[in-house]
N, C-alpha and C. Protein backbone atom coordinates (compact mmCIF):
# COMPACT_ATOMS: atom_id res chain seq x y z
N MET A 1 99.36 105.37 101.77
CA MET A 1 100.44 105.39 100.80
C MET A 1 100.51 104.01 100.13
N ARG A 2 100.52 104.01 98.82
CA ARG A 2 100.58 102.77 98.04
C ARG A 2 101.98 102.19 98.09
N LYS A 3 102.06 100.88 98.32
CA LYS A 3 103.35 100.21 98.36
C LYS A 3 103.62 99.54 97.02
N LEU A 4 104.87 99.64 96.57
CA LEU A 4 105.31 98.99 95.34
C LEU A 4 106.57 98.18 95.61
N LYS A 5 106.64 97.05 94.94
CA LYS A 5 107.87 96.26 94.97
C LYS A 5 108.40 96.22 93.55
N ILE A 6 109.57 96.82 93.37
CA ILE A 6 110.22 96.86 92.06
C ILE A 6 111.53 96.12 92.18
N THR A 7 111.73 95.15 91.31
CA THR A 7 112.96 94.37 91.29
C THR A 7 113.75 94.73 90.04
N LEU A 8 115.00 95.12 90.22
CA LEU A 8 115.88 95.42 89.09
C LEU A 8 116.83 94.25 88.89
N ALA A 9 117.06 93.93 87.64
CA ALA A 9 117.97 92.83 87.32
C ALA A 9 119.05 93.32 86.36
N CYS A 10 120.27 92.93 86.66
CA CYS A 10 121.40 93.28 85.79
C CYS A 10 122.41 92.14 85.87
N VAL A 11 123.61 92.39 85.46
CA VAL A 11 124.63 91.35 85.45
C VAL A 11 125.03 90.96 86.87
N GLY A 12 125.36 91.94 87.70
CA GLY A 12 125.82 91.61 89.04
C GLY A 12 124.99 92.19 90.16
N GLY A 13 124.16 93.18 89.87
CA GLY A 13 123.32 93.78 90.89
C GLY A 13 123.98 94.91 91.65
N VAL A 14 125.24 95.22 91.36
CA VAL A 14 125.97 96.20 92.16
C VAL A 14 125.67 97.63 91.71
N SER A 15 125.99 97.97 90.48
CA SER A 15 125.78 99.35 90.03
C SER A 15 124.30 99.70 89.99
N THR A 16 123.47 98.73 89.76
CA THR A 16 122.04 98.98 89.69
C THR A 16 121.46 99.34 91.05
N SER A 17 122.15 98.99 92.13
CA SER A 17 121.65 99.33 93.46
C SER A 17 121.62 100.85 93.66
N ILE A 18 122.50 101.57 92.99
CA ILE A 18 122.47 103.04 93.04
C ILE A 18 121.17 103.54 92.43
N LEU A 19 120.79 102.94 91.31
CA LEU A 19 119.54 103.31 90.66
C LEU A 19 118.34 102.97 91.55
N CYS A 20 118.41 101.88 92.28
CA CYS A 20 117.34 101.51 93.21
C CYS A 20 117.10 102.62 94.23
N ASP A 21 118.16 103.15 94.79
CA ASP A 21 118.02 104.22 95.77
C ASP A 21 117.31 105.42 95.17
N ARG A 22 117.63 105.73 93.94
CA ARG A 22 117.00 106.87 93.27
C ARG A 22 115.53 106.59 92.94
N ILE A 23 115.22 105.35 92.59
CA ILE A 23 113.82 104.99 92.31
C ILE A 23 113.00 105.06 93.59
N ILE A 24 113.57 104.64 94.70
CA ILE A 24 112.88 104.73 95.99
C ILE A 24 112.55 106.19 96.30
N GLU A 25 113.50 107.07 96.11
CA GLU A 25 113.29 108.50 96.36
C GLU A 25 112.24 109.08 95.41
N GLU A 26 112.30 108.67 94.15
CA GLU A 26 111.32 109.15 93.17
C GLU A 26 109.92 108.66 93.54
N GLY A 27 109.84 107.43 94.01
CA GLY A 27 108.55 106.90 94.46
C GLY A 27 107.99 107.72 95.60
N LYS A 28 108.85 108.04 96.57
CA LYS A 28 108.41 108.85 97.72
C LYS A 28 107.84 110.19 97.25
N SER A 29 108.51 110.82 96.31
CA SER A 29 108.06 112.12 95.82
C SER A 29 106.75 112.02 95.05
N ASN A 30 106.35 110.80 94.69
CA ASN A 30 105.08 110.58 94.00
C ASN A 30 104.05 109.90 94.90
N GLY A 31 104.35 109.84 96.20
CA GLY A 31 103.38 109.30 97.15
C GLY A 31 103.37 107.79 97.29
N PHE A 32 104.47 107.13 96.95
CA PHE A 32 104.57 105.68 97.04
C PHE A 32 105.63 105.28 98.05
N GLU A 33 105.40 104.17 98.70
CA GLU A 33 106.43 103.53 99.50
C GLU A 33 106.99 102.41 98.63
N VAL A 34 108.22 102.57 98.18
CA VAL A 34 108.80 101.65 97.21
C VAL A 34 109.87 100.79 97.85
N GLU A 35 109.73 99.50 97.64
CA GLU A 35 110.81 98.55 97.94
C GLU A 35 111.47 98.26 96.61
N CYS A 36 112.72 98.59 96.48
CA CYS A 36 113.42 98.40 95.22
C CYS A 36 114.80 97.82 95.52
N LYS A 37 115.06 96.66 94.96
CA LYS A 37 116.35 96.01 95.17
C LYS A 37 116.88 95.49 93.84
N ALA A 38 118.20 95.42 93.75
CA ALA A 38 118.86 94.96 92.53
C ALA A 38 119.51 93.60 92.76
N TYR A 39 119.40 92.77 91.75
CA TYR A 39 119.96 91.42 91.80
C TYR A 39 120.55 91.05 90.45
N ALA A 40 121.45 90.11 90.47
CA ALA A 40 121.91 89.50 89.23
C ALA A 40 120.75 88.70 88.66
N THR A 41 120.66 88.61 87.35
CA THR A 41 119.54 87.90 86.74
C THR A 41 119.46 86.45 87.19
N ASN A 42 120.59 85.84 87.47
CA ASN A 42 120.57 84.43 87.90
C ASN A 42 120.17 84.27 89.37
N ALA A 43 119.89 85.39 90.05
CA ALA A 43 119.49 85.34 91.46
C ALA A 43 118.06 85.87 91.67
N LEU A 44 117.28 85.98 90.60
CA LEU A 44 115.95 86.54 90.72
C LEU A 44 114.96 85.64 91.45
N ASN A 45 115.14 84.36 91.32
CA ASN A 45 114.23 83.44 91.99
C ASN A 45 114.80 83.08 93.34
N PRO A 46 114.15 83.27 94.42
CA PRO A 46 112.74 83.63 94.64
C PRO A 46 112.51 85.11 94.97
N VAL A 47 113.53 85.95 94.92
CA VAL A 47 113.41 87.33 95.41
C VAL A 47 112.43 88.19 94.60
N ALA A 48 112.23 87.86 93.34
CA ALA A 48 111.34 88.67 92.50
C ALA A 48 109.87 88.35 92.72
N ILE A 49 109.58 87.23 93.36
CA ILE A 49 108.20 86.85 93.59
C ILE A 49 107.50 87.94 94.40
N GLY A 50 106.32 88.33 93.95
CA GLY A 50 105.56 89.38 94.61
C GLY A 50 105.87 90.78 94.11
N SER A 51 106.76 90.88 93.14
CA SER A 51 107.10 92.20 92.58
C SER A 51 105.95 92.73 91.74
N ASP A 52 105.82 94.05 91.74
CA ASP A 52 104.85 94.70 90.86
C ASP A 52 105.41 94.80 89.44
N VAL A 53 106.73 94.85 89.33
CA VAL A 53 107.38 94.90 88.03
C VAL A 53 108.84 94.48 88.21
N ILE A 54 109.37 93.84 87.17
CA ILE A 54 110.81 93.53 87.10
C ILE A 54 111.39 94.40 86.00
N LEU A 55 112.40 95.18 86.35
CA LEU A 55 113.09 96.02 85.38
C LEU A 55 114.43 95.40 85.03
N LEU A 56 114.69 95.27 83.74
CA LEU A 56 115.96 94.71 83.29
C LEU A 56 116.89 95.82 82.82
N GLY A 57 118.12 95.78 83.30
CA GLY A 57 119.13 96.71 82.81
C GLY A 57 119.45 96.41 81.37
N PRO A 58 119.92 97.39 80.62
CA PRO A 58 120.18 97.20 79.19
C PRO A 58 121.22 96.11 78.89
N GLN A 59 122.12 95.87 79.83
CA GLN A 59 123.16 94.86 79.60
C GLN A 59 122.62 93.44 79.62
N VAL A 60 121.37 93.25 80.10
CA VAL A 60 120.76 91.91 80.12
C VAL A 60 119.46 91.88 79.32
N CYS A 61 119.30 92.82 78.39
CA CYS A 61 118.07 92.89 77.60
C CYS A 61 117.85 91.60 76.80
N TYR A 62 118.92 90.91 76.47
CA TYR A 62 118.81 89.65 75.71
C TYR A 62 118.10 88.57 76.53
N MET A 63 117.95 88.77 77.82
CA MET A 63 117.30 87.77 78.68
C MET A 63 115.81 88.06 78.90
N GLU A 64 115.28 89.07 78.23
CA GLU A 64 113.90 89.49 78.45
C GLU A 64 112.91 88.32 78.30
N ASP A 65 112.99 87.58 77.22
CA ASP A 65 112.04 86.48 77.00
C ASP A 65 112.16 85.41 78.08
N GLU A 66 113.38 85.10 78.47
CA GLU A 66 113.61 84.10 79.51
C GLU A 66 113.01 84.54 80.86
N VAL A 67 113.22 85.80 81.21
CA VAL A 67 112.69 86.32 82.48
C VAL A 67 111.16 86.38 82.42
N LYS A 68 110.61 86.78 81.29
CA LYS A 68 109.15 86.81 81.13
C LYS A 68 108.55 85.42 81.29
N LYS A 69 109.24 84.43 80.76
CA LYS A 69 108.75 83.06 80.86
C LYS A 69 108.84 82.56 82.32
N GLN A 70 109.93 82.88 82.98
CA GLN A 70 110.15 82.44 84.36
C GLN A 70 109.17 83.11 85.32
N PHE A 71 108.83 84.38 85.06
CA PHE A 71 107.93 85.14 85.93
C PHE A 71 106.73 85.63 85.12
N SER A 72 105.96 84.70 84.63
CA SER A 72 104.87 85.02 83.71
C SER A 72 103.77 85.88 84.34
N ASP A 73 103.70 85.91 85.65
CA ASP A 73 102.67 86.70 86.33
C ASP A 73 103.14 88.09 86.75
N ILE A 74 104.39 88.44 86.41
CA ILE A 74 104.96 89.74 86.77
C ILE A 74 105.35 90.48 85.48
N PRO A 75 104.93 91.73 85.31
CA PRO A 75 105.37 92.49 84.14
C PRO A 75 106.89 92.67 84.14
N VAL A 76 107.49 92.52 82.99
CA VAL A 76 108.94 92.70 82.82
C VAL A 76 109.14 93.82 81.80
N ARG A 77 109.93 94.81 82.18
CA ARG A 77 110.20 95.94 81.30
C ARG A 77 111.70 96.19 81.23
N LEU A 78 112.12 96.75 80.09
CA LEU A 78 113.52 97.10 79.90
C LEU A 78 113.77 98.55 80.29
N ILE A 79 114.89 98.80 80.92
CA ILE A 79 115.33 100.17 81.18
C ILE A 79 116.14 100.61 79.97
N SER A 80 115.81 101.76 79.42
CA SER A 80 116.55 102.22 78.24
C SER A 80 118.02 102.48 78.60
N MET A 81 118.86 102.35 77.62
CA MET A 81 120.29 102.59 77.80
C MET A 81 120.53 104.02 78.31
N MET A 82 119.79 104.98 77.77
CA MET A 82 119.96 106.38 78.17
C MET A 82 119.57 106.57 79.63
N ASP A 83 118.39 106.05 80.02
CA ASP A 83 117.94 106.21 81.40
C ASP A 83 118.86 105.48 82.37
N TYR A 84 119.33 104.33 81.99
CA TYR A 84 120.22 103.57 82.86
C TYR A 84 121.57 104.28 83.00
N GLY A 85 122.12 104.71 81.89
CA GLY A 85 123.43 105.35 81.90
C GLY A 85 123.45 106.65 82.69
N THR A 86 122.33 107.37 82.67
CA THR A 86 122.26 108.63 83.39
C THR A 86 121.58 108.47 84.76
N MET A 87 121.21 107.23 85.09
CA MET A 87 120.52 106.93 86.36
C MET A 87 119.29 107.83 86.53
N ASN A 88 118.53 107.95 85.45
CA ASN A 88 117.38 108.85 85.42
C ASN A 88 116.14 108.16 86.01
N ALA A 89 116.11 108.08 87.33
CA ALA A 89 115.00 107.43 88.03
C ALA A 89 113.69 108.15 87.79
N LYS A 90 113.74 109.46 87.64
CA LYS A 90 112.52 110.23 87.39
C LYS A 90 111.84 109.75 86.11
N ASN A 91 112.60 109.60 85.06
CA ASN A 91 112.04 109.16 83.78
C ASN A 91 111.58 107.70 83.86
N ILE A 92 112.35 106.86 84.50
CA ILE A 92 111.99 105.44 84.64
C ILE A 92 110.69 105.31 85.41
N PHE A 93 110.57 105.99 86.54
CA PHE A 93 109.37 105.90 87.36
C PHE A 93 108.17 106.51 86.64
N SER A 94 108.40 107.60 85.94
CA SER A 94 107.34 108.26 85.18
C SER A 94 106.77 107.32 84.12
N LYS A 95 107.64 106.61 83.42
CA LYS A 95 107.18 105.64 82.41
C LYS A 95 106.34 104.55 83.04
N LEU A 96 106.75 104.08 84.22
CA LEU A 96 105.98 103.05 84.91
C LEU A 96 104.61 103.59 85.32
N LEU A 97 104.56 104.81 85.85
CA LEU A 97 103.29 105.40 86.25
C LEU A 97 102.35 105.58 85.05
N ASN A 98 102.91 105.93 83.92
CA ASN A 98 102.09 106.11 82.71
C ASN A 98 101.54 104.77 82.19
N GLU A 99 102.30 103.72 82.39
CA GLU A 99 101.89 102.42 81.86
C GLU A 99 100.96 101.66 82.79
N PHE A 100 101.22 101.72 84.08
CA PHE A 100 100.45 100.94 85.04
C PHE A 100 99.53 101.84 85.84
N SER A 101 98.42 101.28 86.27
CA SER A 101 97.46 102.06 87.07
C SER A 101 97.68 101.78 88.55
N TRP A 102 98.78 102.28 89.06
CA TRP A 102 99.12 102.08 90.48
C TRP A 102 98.49 103.15 91.31
């Protein structure tokens, strides 16, 4: 089973933790062992190190360039407002699978 580390970043890390649980479940249904945790953007260092991808919640999309610069060796992607608002982990994980060769 392939292991993935996905780090989610938002304002406080609280509501996004619900989405983490759903992403973990979606990963399992696709044959992955997923470690997914949510953090406030100002708490990403050092927890994001070693991540396969950093996902930014829509409320912190303005920080995309800053996060990309800080973690230049980790892909950074935005979660769409629709997927975030509906906690659509299936769509989020599907987009990641389509983009990356995991």
